[in-house]
N, C-alpha and C. Protein backbone atom coordinates (compact mmCIF):
# COMPACT_ATOMS: atom_id res chain seq x y z
N MET A 1 4.18 4.94 -2.28
CA MET A 1 4.79 4.11 -3.28
C MET A 1 3.82 3.98 -4.43
N ILE A 2 4.34 4.00 -5.64
CA ILE A 2 3.50 3.80 -6.81
C ILE A 2 4.09 2.69 -7.65
N ARG A 3 3.24 2.03 -8.41
CA ARG A 3 3.67 0.99 -9.33
C ARG A 3 3.34 1.43 -10.74
N ARG A 4 4.26 1.23 -11.63
CA ARG A 4 4.03 1.57 -13.03
C ARG A 4 3.15 0.48 -13.65
N THR A 5 2.16 0.91 -14.43
CA THR A 5 1.32 -0.04 -15.14
C THR A 5 1.79 -0.11 -16.58
N SER A 6 1.04 -0.77 -17.43
CA SER A 6 1.49 -1.01 -18.80
C SER A 6 1.55 0.25 -19.65
N ALA A 7 0.73 1.23 -19.39
CA ALA A 7 0.74 2.46 -20.17
C ALA A 7 1.80 3.42 -19.63
N PRO A 8 2.62 4.01 -20.50
CA PRO A 8 3.64 4.96 -20.04
C PRO A 8 3.00 6.13 -19.30
N GLY A 9 3.57 6.51 -18.17
CA GLY A 9 3.06 7.61 -17.39
C GLY A 9 1.83 7.26 -16.56
N ASP A 10 1.38 6.02 -16.62
CA ASP A 10 0.20 5.58 -15.87
C ASP A 10 0.68 4.81 -14.64
N TYR A 11 0.14 5.14 -13.48
CA TYR A 11 0.60 4.53 -12.24
C TYR A 11 -0.57 3.97 -11.44
N GLU A 12 -0.28 2.96 -10.67
CA GLU A 12 -1.24 2.37 -9.74
C GLU A 12 -0.68 2.57 -8.34
N LEU A 13 -1.52 3.03 -7.43
CA LEU A 13 -1.06 3.24 -6.06
C LEU A 13 -0.81 1.90 -5.39
N ALA A 14 0.27 1.81 -4.63
CA ALA A 14 0.59 0.62 -3.84
C ALA A 14 0.29 0.94 -2.38
N TRP A 15 -0.76 0.36 -1.85
CA TRP A 15 -1.23 0.66 -0.50
C TRP A 15 -0.52 -0.19 0.53
N PHE A 16 -0.28 0.37 1.71
CA PHE A 16 0.26 -0.40 2.83
C PHE A 16 -0.44 0.03 4.10
N LYS A 17 -0.50 -0.90 5.06
CA LYS A 17 -1.16 -0.65 6.33
C LYS A 17 -0.13 -0.24 7.37
N SER A 18 -0.52 0.70 8.20
CA SER A 18 0.33 1.12 9.30
C SER A 18 0.30 0.08 10.40
N SER A 19 1.43 -0.21 10.97
CA SER A 19 1.48 -1.16 12.09
C SER A 19 0.88 -0.56 13.35
N TYR A 20 0.67 0.75 13.36
CA TYR A 20 0.11 1.43 14.53
C TYR A 20 -1.39 1.68 14.43
N SER A 21 -2.01 1.33 13.31
CA SER A 21 -3.41 1.70 13.11
C SER A 21 -4.39 0.72 13.73
N SER A 22 -3.96 -0.42 14.17
CA SER A 22 -4.88 -1.40 14.74
C SER A 22 -4.66 -1.49 16.25
N ASN A 23 -5.75 -1.59 16.97
CA ASN A 23 -5.66 -1.75 18.42
C ASN A 23 -6.06 -3.16 18.83
N GLY A 24 -5.62 -4.13 18.07
CA GLY A 24 -5.94 -5.52 18.35
C GLY A 24 -7.00 -6.08 17.42
N ASN A 25 -7.74 -5.23 16.74
CA ASN A 25 -8.74 -5.67 15.78
C ASN A 25 -8.15 -5.47 14.39
N GLU A 26 -7.74 -6.54 13.75
CA GLU A 26 -7.03 -6.44 12.47
C GLU A 26 -7.85 -5.77 11.38
N GLY A 27 -9.16 -5.68 11.54
CA GLY A 27 -9.98 -5.02 10.54
C GLY A 27 -9.96 -3.51 10.62
N ASP A 28 -9.46 -2.97 11.73
CA ASP A 28 -9.43 -1.52 11.91
C ASP A 28 -8.08 -0.96 11.49
N CYS A 29 -7.90 -0.77 10.20
CA CYS A 29 -6.62 -0.30 9.69
C CYS A 29 -6.80 0.87 8.75
N VAL A 30 -5.83 1.74 8.78
CA VAL A 30 -5.71 2.82 7.83
C VAL A 30 -4.63 2.41 6.85
N GLU A 31 -4.88 2.61 5.57
CA GLU A 31 -3.88 2.31 4.55
C GLU A 31 -3.40 3.61 3.92
N VAL A 32 -2.14 3.63 3.54
CA VAL A 32 -1.51 4.81 2.96
C VAL A 32 -0.81 4.42 1.68
N ALA A 33 -0.85 5.30 0.70
CA ALA A 33 -0.09 5.12 -0.55
C ALA A 33 0.54 6.46 -0.88
N THR A 34 1.77 6.44 -1.32
CA THR A 34 2.45 7.68 -1.68
C THR A 34 2.57 7.79 -3.19
N ALA A 35 2.48 9.00 -3.66
CA ALA A 35 2.69 9.33 -5.07
C ALA A 35 3.73 10.45 -5.09
N PRO A 36 4.22 10.83 -6.26
CA PRO A 36 5.29 11.83 -6.30
C PRO A 36 5.01 13.12 -5.53
N ASP A 37 3.79 13.64 -5.57
CA ASP A 37 3.50 14.92 -4.91
C ASP A 37 2.38 14.83 -3.89
N SER A 38 1.99 13.62 -3.48
CA SER A 38 0.86 13.50 -2.56
C SER A 38 0.91 12.19 -1.78
N VAL A 39 0.09 12.15 -0.73
CA VAL A 39 -0.07 10.96 0.09
C VAL A 39 -1.57 10.67 0.14
N HIS A 40 -1.95 9.43 -0.11
CA HIS A 40 -3.36 9.03 -0.14
C HIS A 40 -3.64 8.15 1.07
N VAL A 41 -4.83 8.33 1.67
CA VAL A 41 -5.21 7.60 2.87
C VAL A 41 -6.61 7.03 2.65
N ARG A 42 -6.82 5.77 3.07
CA ARG A 42 -8.14 5.16 2.96
C ARG A 42 -8.38 4.20 4.12
N ASP A 43 -9.62 3.83 4.31
CA ASP A 43 -10.04 2.87 5.34
C ASP A 43 -9.97 1.47 4.72
N SER A 44 -9.22 0.57 5.32
CA SER A 44 -9.05 -0.76 4.73
C SER A 44 -10.33 -1.59 4.74
N LYS A 45 -11.32 -1.18 5.53
CA LYS A 45 -12.59 -1.90 5.56
C LYS A 45 -13.51 -1.46 4.42
N ASN A 46 -13.15 -0.38 3.73
CA ASN A 46 -13.99 0.17 2.67
C ASN A 46 -13.11 0.59 1.49
N LEU A 47 -12.50 -0.38 0.82
CA LEU A 47 -11.54 -0.09 -0.24
C LEU A 47 -12.10 0.77 -1.37
N PRO A 48 -13.32 0.52 -1.84
CA PRO A 48 -13.83 1.38 -2.92
C PRO A 48 -14.38 2.72 -2.41
N GLY A 49 -14.37 2.91 -1.11
CA GLY A 49 -14.92 4.13 -0.51
C GLY A 49 -14.04 5.34 -0.71
N PRO A 50 -14.35 6.40 0.00
CA PRO A 50 -13.61 7.66 -0.17
C PRO A 50 -12.16 7.55 0.26
N GLN A 51 -11.34 8.36 -0.35
CA GLN A 51 -9.93 8.46 0.00
C GLN A 51 -9.61 9.92 0.26
N LEU A 52 -8.69 10.15 1.16
CA LEU A 52 -8.18 11.49 1.41
C LEU A 52 -6.85 11.63 0.69
N THR A 53 -6.58 12.78 0.16
CA THR A 53 -5.31 13.05 -0.49
C THR A 53 -4.70 14.29 0.14
N PHE A 54 -3.46 14.16 0.57
CA PHE A 54 -2.73 15.26 1.22
C PHE A 54 -1.54 15.64 0.36
N GLY A 55 -1.25 16.92 0.32
CA GLY A 55 -0.02 17.38 -0.29
C GLY A 55 1.16 17.02 0.61
N GLU A 56 2.36 17.08 0.07
CA GLU A 56 3.56 16.70 0.84
C GLU A 56 3.70 17.51 2.13
N HIS A 57 3.48 18.82 2.05
CA HIS A 57 3.67 19.67 3.23
C HIS A 57 2.59 19.43 4.28
N ALA A 58 1.37 19.23 3.84
CA ALA A 58 0.28 18.94 4.78
C ALA A 58 0.54 17.63 5.50
N TRP A 59 0.99 16.61 4.78
CA TRP A 59 1.28 15.31 5.39
C TRP A 59 2.45 15.42 6.37
N ALA A 60 3.48 16.16 5.98
CA ALA A 60 4.65 16.34 6.84
C ALA A 60 4.27 17.05 8.14
N GLY A 61 3.28 17.91 8.11
CA GLY A 61 2.81 18.56 9.33
C GLY A 61 1.89 17.68 10.15
N PHE A 62 1.13 16.83 9.49
CA PHE A 62 0.17 15.97 10.18
C PHE A 62 0.84 14.84 10.96
N VAL A 63 1.84 14.21 10.39
CA VAL A 63 2.46 13.03 11.02
C VAL A 63 3.00 13.33 12.42
N PRO A 64 3.80 14.37 12.64
CA PRO A 64 4.26 14.64 14.02
C PRO A 64 3.10 14.95 14.96
N TYR A 65 2.08 15.63 14.46
CA TYR A 65 0.91 15.94 15.28
C TYR A 65 0.21 14.65 15.72
N ALA A 66 -0.03 13.74 14.78
CA ALA A 66 -0.70 12.49 15.09
C ALA A 66 0.14 11.60 15.99
N ALA A 67 1.45 11.62 15.81
CA ALA A 67 2.34 10.79 16.62
C ALA A 67 2.32 11.22 18.08
N GLY A 68 2.01 12.49 18.33
CA GLY A 68 1.97 12.98 19.71
C GLY A 68 0.65 12.75 20.41
N ARG A 69 -0.31 12.14 19.74
CA ARG A 69 -1.64 11.91 20.31
C ARG A 69 -1.75 10.54 20.94
């Protein structure tokens, strides 16, 4: 999901946490944000830290793989 900011064509990522990413410790979460052609992933404990960016096809292949683990 993306949010439009004040400048035309400028977007801010809207992050959300997976309900499956925590094993009882609310600090252990993965956050995901979607953009038109990519999916962004980050560690919720380190917001300014590194982010991973996946293309649509890579993400579509990863999700079923991860769900089976």
